[in-house]
C-alpha cells in the first residue's frame, strides 16, 4: 500500500477547522468553487462566512451542479445562537451569473419544507433530495426529485414508487450512468443498501446489495464513485464518533475490505463535478483533495 497521510492529520484537521479562514464577501466571489483556495489532504471549511457560517447549523455537503455553476446545501440559519429555530432546516443555493456568484438564498421550489442531502443527476437536469415536511416524523421522509424547466425548477415529486416505500428511504448517491444507491430503514437493524439502475429514462426495480455495502456498524453515508471504482462509507464506531472508510472494486466485481481513512466524518458525502474534491460534514461543511483515494489504494490494484 502506498504511504499514508501523516498520523497527525486528525489533530491538524481539527486545528484548521477551528481556526478557519477569513469570511468571504459573497458580492465578490468569482471562479470555480466560489473562488476558494483548493484544499490538500487536510480538511478545511468550505466558503467560511458564506456557506459554512458560525451561527448556522449546516446539515449536508456542498453539492455542485455538473457544470459547476450552481451549488446547493442544507442549513438551519441562526440555529447555533437561537435554538428555537429547531426544525428550520432548509435548502439553500447560489449560482454564477455573469462570472460572479449570487448571495445564498433559499431554494424557492421547497419553500418552508425540511430538505436534506441534495444530489444532482449526471446531466444536471434533476435534483434529488430527502424530503419531509415534519422533522419529528422521520419515517415520512422519502426521496423526491425536481426537474429543470424553462424558468427554473419544477415542483418536487416522489422519485419512484419502486424506490419509495412505507419505510424510510435516504438518498446516498447517483453514479455516472444515473443509477441511485440508497438505504432503506436506516439507523435500524433492518437497514439495507439498494441500487436502482437508470434505464430508458426511468429507475428499474432496486437490487438489494450484500455485506460489502452493509456492516454491523450503522452506515450514516455512502458514496459510490461515478465510475463505481471505489466506495466511501461513513459509519458510527464503538467510540460513538464517525469513521470514514474506503474500499475499492476488484477486477472480478467484488470489493476490498474497508480501509480506515484518517478522517472523522459527520456524513453527507459529495464529490465535486471534476472528482478532485470531497465535501462532507465536519464542524461545518469541509472539503479535502481526493488524492487520498489514490494514496490508500492497495498496490495490487494499480
Protein backbone atom coordinates (compact mmCIF):
# COMPACT_ATOMS: atom_id res chain seq x y z
CA UNK A 1 0.00 0.00 0.00
CA UNK A 2 1.27 3.47 -0.72
CA UNK A 3 2.46 5.74 2.04
CA UNK A 4 -0.50 7.05 4.07
CA UNK A 5 -1.03 10.63 5.10
CA UNK A 6 0.58 11.79 8.35
CA UNK A 7 -0.64 10.21 11.59
CA UNK A 8 -1.02 13.72 13.00
CA UNK A 9 -3.53 14.66 10.32
CA UNK A 10 -6.64 14.41 12.52
CA UNK A 11 -5.23 16.84 15.09
CA UNK A 12 -4.15 19.15 12.30
CA UNK A 13 -7.57 18.86 10.66
CA UNK A 14 -9.33 19.97 13.83
CA UNK A 15 -6.98 22.92 14.24
CA UNK A 16 -7.55 24.00 10.65
CA UNK A 17 -11.32 23.83 11.04
CA UNK A 18 -11.24 25.63 14.38
CA UNK A 19 -9.18 28.49 13.01
CA UNK A 20 -10.83 28.63 9.61
CA UNK A 21 -10.23 31.32 7.03
CA UNK A 22 -11.38 34.90 6.89
CA UNK A 23 -15.08 35.11 5.97
CA UNK A 24 -15.59 35.82 2.30
CA UNK A 25 -17.72 38.56 0.81
CA UNK A 26 -20.38 36.90 -1.42
CA UNK A 27 -20.58 40.03 -3.57
CA UNK A 28 -17.07 39.37 -4.94
CA UNK A 29 -16.99 35.58 -5.19
CA UNK A 30 -15.78 34.57 -8.63
CA UNK A 31 -14.45 31.46 -10.32
CA UNK A 32 -14.74 27.72 -9.72
CA UNK A 33 -15.88 26.63 -6.25
CA UNK A 34 -16.70 30.21 -5.28
CA UNK A 35 -13.07 31.17 -5.82
CA UNK A 36 -11.97 29.27 -2.70
CA UNK A 37 -8.37 28.10 -2.38
CA UNK A 38 -8.33 24.35 -3.15
CA UNK A 39 -7.60 22.13 -0.15
CA UNK A 40 -4.98 19.44 0.23
CA UNK A 41 -5.38 16.34 2.39
CA UNK A 42 -6.28 18.35 5.49
CA UNK A 43 -9.99 19.18 5.73
CA UNK A 44 -10.76 22.86 5.50
CA UNK A 45 -14.04 24.69 5.96
CA UNK A 46 -15.62 25.42 2.61
CA UNK A 47 -16.51 29.07 1.97
CA UNK A 48 -16.43 30.17 5.64
CA UNK A 49 -18.82 33.02 6.35
CA UNK A 50 -20.81 32.25 3.19
CA UNK A 51 -21.75 28.55 3.19
CA UNK A 52 -20.08 27.39 6.42
CA UNK A 53 -21.40 30.02 8.83
CA UNK A 54 -20.57 30.01 12.52
CA UNK A 55 -24.11 30.90 13.64
CA UNK A 56 -25.79 28.36 11.34
CA UNK A 57 -26.20 24.60 11.57
CA UNK A 58 -25.16 23.07 8.23
CA UNK A 59 -26.54 19.59 7.58
CA UNK A 60 -25.32 18.41 4.18
CA UNK A 61 -22.35 18.60 1.87
CA UNK A 62 -21.90 21.41 -0.63
CA UNK A 63 -23.27 19.91 -3.85
CA UNK A 64 -22.25 21.44 -7.18
CA UNK A 65 -24.04 21.03 -10.49
CA UNK A 66 -22.13 19.13 -13.21
CA UNK A 67 -21.24 22.40 -14.94
CA UNK A 68 -20.00 23.88 -11.65
CA UNK A 69 -22.27 26.93 -11.90
CA UNK A 70 -24.69 26.08 -9.06
CA UNK A 71 -24.22 24.89 -5.51
CA UNK A 72 -26.87 23.59 -3.09
CA UNK A 73 -26.59 22.79 0.62
CA UNK A 74 -28.85 22.43 3.66
CA UNK A 75 -28.61 24.66 6.69
CA UNK A 76 -30.55 25.94 9.68
CA UNK A 77 -29.81 29.67 9.65
CA UNK A 78 -29.17 31.11 13.10
CA UNK A 79 -29.73 27.84 14.97
CA UNK A 80 -26.44 27.97 16.92
CA UNK A 81 -27.49 31.18 18.64
CA UNK A 82 -31.27 30.59 18.61
CA UNK A 83 -32.30 27.04 19.48
CA UNK A 84 -35.96 27.95 18.96
CA UNK A 85 -35.23 27.50 15.25
CA UNK A 86 -35.11 23.72 15.66
CA UNK A 87 -36.74 22.12 12.61
CA UNK A 88 -35.93 25.07 10.32
CA UNK A 89 -33.51 23.08 8.16
CA UNK A 90 -33.83 24.44 4.64
CA UNK A 91 -32.27 24.04 1.21
CA UNK A 92 -30.12 26.99 0.08
CA UNK A 93 -28.33 27.66 -3.18
CA UNK A 94 -26.05 30.02 -5.06
CA UNK A 95 -25.44 30.27 -8.79
CA UNK A 96 -22.99 32.01 -11.06
CA UNK A 97 -24.31 34.99 -13.03
CA UNK A 98 -22.01 36.94 -15.33
CA UNK A 99 -19.00 35.30 -13.75
CA UNK A 100 -19.95 36.10 -10.13
CA UNK A 101 -21.72 34.03 -7.50
CA UNK A 102 -25.04 35.29 -6.19
CA UNK A 103 -25.59 35.57 -2.42
CA UNK A 104 -27.06 32.49 -0.66
CA UNK A 105 -30.85 32.26 -0.77
CA UNK A 106 -33.50 29.60 -0.04
CA UNK A 107 -34.48 27.31 -2.90
CA UNK A 108 -37.97 28.51 -3.93
CA UNK A 109 -39.22 25.09 -5.04
CA UNK A 110 -39.11 23.73 -1.44
CA UNK A 111 -40.04 26.88 0.45
CA UNK A 112 -40.81 26.11 4.09
CA UNK A 113 -40.04 22.39 3.69
CA UNK A 114 -37.35 20.43 5.53
CA UNK A 115 -34.97 19.00 2.93
CA UNK A 116 -31.69 17.11 3.18
CA UNK A 117 -28.97 15.60 1.01
CA UNK A 118 -29.35 17.26 -2.42
CA UNK A 119 -27.75 15.26 -5.25
CA UNK A 120 -27.63 16.09 -8.97
CA UNK A 121 -28.31 13.67 -11.80
CA UNK A 122 -25.31 13.24 -14.15
CA UNK A 123 -26.77 15.65 -16.72
CA UNK A 124 -27.70 18.25 -14.09
CA UNK A 125 -31.34 18.29 -15.15
CA UNK A 126 -32.67 16.63 -11.99
CA UNK A 127 -32.00 17.32 -8.33
CA UNK A 128 -32.79 14.53 -5.88
CA UNK A 129 -33.30 15.14 -2.17
CA UNK A 130 -34.61 13.68 1.05
CA UNK A 131 -37.90 15.45 1.59
CA UNK A 132 -40.08 15.68 4.69
CA UNK A 133 -42.50 18.31 5.93
CA UNK A 134 -42.38 17.21 9.57
CA UNK A 135 -38.89 17.00 11.13
CA UNK A 136 -40.29 14.94 14.04
CA UNK A 137 -41.68 12.21 11.76
CA UNK A 138 -38.59 10.76 10.11
CA UNK A 139 -40.50 7.72 8.84
CA UNK A 140 -42.36 10.06 6.49
CA UNK A 141 -39.13 11.01 4.73
CA UNK A 142 -38.71 9.78 1.17
CA UNK A 143 -36.67 10.64 -1.88
CA UNK A 144 -38.08 13.36 -4.11
CA UNK A 145 -36.90 14.96 -7.33
CA UNK A 146 -37.22 18.32 -9.07
CA UNK A 147 -36.55 18.82 -12.77
CA UNK A 148 -35.28 21.80 -14.70
CA UNK A 149 -37.87 23.87 -16.51
CA UNK A 150 -37.59 26.92 -18.74
CA UNK A 151 -37.97 29.17 -15.70
CA UNK A 152 -36.02 27.24 -13.07
CA UNK A 153 -37.17 24.04 -11.37
CA UNK A 154 -40.39 22.05 -11.18
CA UNK A 155 -42.32 21.31 -8.01
CA UNK A 156 -40.95 18.32 -6.04
CA UNK A 157 -42.47 14.90 -6.69
CA UNK A 158 -41.72 11.40 -5.34
CA UNK A 159 -38.86 9.91 -7.30
CA UNK A 160 -40.37 6.45 -7.99
CA UNK A 161 -42.80 4.01 -6.37
CA UNK A 162 -40.12 1.37 -6.88
CA UNK A 163 -37.81 3.28 -4.52
CA UNK A 164 -40.13 4.96 -2.00
CA UNK A 165 -41.98 2.61 0.35
CA UNK A 166 -43.79 2.97 3.70
CA UNK A 167 -40.32 2.53 5.24
CA UNK A 168 -37.87 5.41 5.31
CA UNK A 169 -35.53 5.82 2.33
CA UNK A 170 -32.49 8.05 2.32
CA UNK A 171 -30.52 9.05 -0.74
CA UNK A 172 -26.81 8.35 -0.76
CA UNK A 173 -25.51 8.96 -4.26
CA UNK A 174 -26.09 8.83 -8.01
CA UNK A 175 -23.44 7.39 -10.35
CA UNK A 176 -22.40 8.47 -13.84
CA UNK A 177 -24.95 6.21 -15.54
CA UNK A 178 -27.79 7.65 -13.41
CA UNK A 179 -28.07 4.68 -11.02
CA UNK A 180 -29.11 5.54 -7.47
CA UNK A 181 -27.63 3.92 -4.36
CA UNK A 182 -29.80 4.40 -1.28
CA UNK A 183 -30.60 2.91 2.12
CA UNK A 184 -33.95 1.67 3.37
CA UNK A 185 -34.79 1.67 7.09
CA UNK A 186 -31.56 3.49 8.04
CA UNK A 187 -30.30 3.65 11.63
CA UNK A 188 -32.09 0.39 12.48
CA UNK A 189 -31.13 -3.28 12.43
CA UNK A 190 -33.29 -3.63 9.33
CA UNK A 191 -31.23 -1.16 7.28
CA UNK A 192 -30.23 -2.42 3.84
CA UNK A 193 -28.48 -0.77 0.92
CA UNK A 194 -30.03 -0.94 -2.56
CA UNK A 195 -29.16 0.19 -6.05
CA UNK A 196 -31.82 1.23 -8.56
CA UNK A 197 -30.42 1.25 -12.08
CA UNK A 198 -31.45 4.00 -14.51
CA UNK A 199 -32.63 2.53 -17.80
CA UNK A 200 -34.52 4.16 -20.68
CA UNK A 201 -35.25 7.30 -18.67
CA UNK A 202 -36.56 5.62 -15.51
CA UNK A 203 -35.45 3.64 -12.47
CA UNK A 204 -35.93 -0.12 -12.54
CA UNK A 205 -36.65 -2.42 -9.59
CA UNK A 206 -33.98 -1.82 -6.90
CA UNK A 207 -31.48 -4.58 -6.20
CA UNK A 208 -30.66 -5.35 -2.57
CA UNK A 209 -26.90 -5.34 -2.04
CA UNK A 210 -24.79 -7.55 0.19
CA UNK A 211 -22.32 -7.36 3.02
CA UNK A 212 -19.82 -5.23 1.10
CA UNK A 213 -22.26 -2.35 1.45
CA UNK A 214 -23.71 -3.22 4.86
CA UNK A 215 -21.95 -3.75 8.17
CA UNK A 216 -22.86 -4.24 11.85
CA UNK A 217 -21.97 -0.59 12.43
CA UNK A 218 -24.69 1.79 11.19
CA UNK A 219 -23.85 3.39 7.85
CA UNK A 220 -24.55 7.12 8.04
CA UNK A 221 -23.40 7.88 4.50
CA UNK A 222 -22.41 6.03 1.36
CA UNK A 223 -20.74 7.45 -1.73
CA UNK A 224 -20.00 5.27 -4.75
CA UNK A 225 -17.64 6.90 -7.24
CA UNK A 226 -19.26 7.93 -10.54
CA UNK A 227 -17.47 5.08 -12.34
CA UNK A 228 -18.14 2.74 -9.38
CA UNK A 229 -14.39 2.11 -8.93
CA UNK A 230 -14.36 2.93 -5.22
CA UNK A 231 -16.79 3.43 -2.37
CA UNK A 232 -16.65 5.73 0.67
CA UNK A 233 -18.62 4.74 3.75
CA UNK A 234 -19.16 6.73 6.95
CA UNK A 235 -20.05 4.63 9.99
CA UNK A 236 -20.55 5.13 13.72
CA UNK A 237 -17.82 3.33 15.67
CA UNK A 238 -17.74 1.95 19.21
CA UNK A 239 -16.48 5.31 20.49
CA UNK A 240 -19.64 6.95 19.11
CA UNK A 241 -17.62 9.02 16.68
CA UNK A 242 -17.80 8.74 12.91
CA UNK A 243 -15.25 6.85 10.82
CA UNK A 244 -14.73 7.39 7.11
CA UNK A 245 -13.65 4.22 5.27
CA UNK A 246 -12.89 3.41 1.66
CA UNK A 247 -12.93 0.22 -0.37
CA UNK A 248 -12.06 -0.47 -3.99
CA UNK A 249 -13.71 -2.57 -6.66
CA UNK A 250 -11.64 -5.52 -7.83
CA UNK A 251 -11.45 -6.81 -11.39
CA UNK A 252 -13.98 -9.57 -10.56
CA UNK A 253 -16.52 -7.01 -9.33
CA UNK A 254 -16.05 -7.74 -5.62
CA UNK A 255 -14.80 -5.14 -3.13
CA UNK A 256 -11.68 -4.93 -0.96
CA UNK A 257 -12.06 -4.81 2.79
CA UNK A 258 -12.82 -1.37 4.15
CA UNK A 259 -9.72 0.74 4.77
CA UNK A 260 -9.95 3.32 7.54
CA UNK A 261 -9.06 6.83 6.41
CA UNK A 262 -7.57 9.40 8.81
CA UNK A 263 -10.76 11.45 8.84
CA UNK A 264 -13.73 11.66 11.15
CA UNK A 265 -16.82 12.44 9.15
CA UNK A 266 -20.31 13.53 10.10
CA UNK A 267 -21.73 12.08 6.91
CA UNK A 268 -23.22 13.77 3.81
CA UNK A 269 -20.54 12.83 1.28
CA UNK A 270 -20.38 14.53 -2.13
CA UNK A 271 -17.77 14.70 -4.88
CA UNK A 272 -17.03 17.83 -6.88
CA UNK A 273 -18.01 17.59 -10.57
CA UNK A 274 -14.37 17.19 -11.61
CA UNK A 275 -13.78 14.49 -8.98
CA UNK A 276 -10.90 16.42 -7.40
CA UNK A 277 -12.55 17.23 -4.06
CA UNK A 278 -14.68 15.50 -1.46
CA UNK A 279 -17.19 17.51 0.57
CA UNK A 280 -18.54 16.24 3.89
CA UNK A 281 -19.84 17.36 7.26
CA UNK A 282 -17.23 18.10 9.92
CA UNK A 283 -17.91 21.04 12.25
CA UNK A 284 -19.41 22.77 9.22
CA UNK A 285 -19.05 21.77 5.58
CA UNK A 286 -15.47 20.65 4.92
CA UNK A 287 -13.62 19.67 1.77
CA UNK A 288 -10.42 17.78 1.00
CA UNK A 289 -8.47 16.68 -2.04
CA UNK A 290 -9.43 13.25 -3.36
CA UNK A 291 -5.73 12.47 -3.88
CA UNK A 292 -6.17 10.42 -0.69
CA UNK A 293 -8.16 7.93 -2.79
CA UNK A 294 -5.01 7.04 -4.75
CA UNK A 295 -2.80 7.15 -1.65
CA UNK A 296 -4.85 4.49 0.13
CA UNK A 297 -5.36 2.22 -2.86
CA UNK A 298 -3.68 -1.21 -2.42
CA UNK A 299 -0.69 -1.68 -4.69
CA UNK A 300 -2.08 -4.88 -6.20
CA UNK A 301 -4.97 -2.89 -7.70
CA UNK A 302 -2.73 -0.39 -9.53
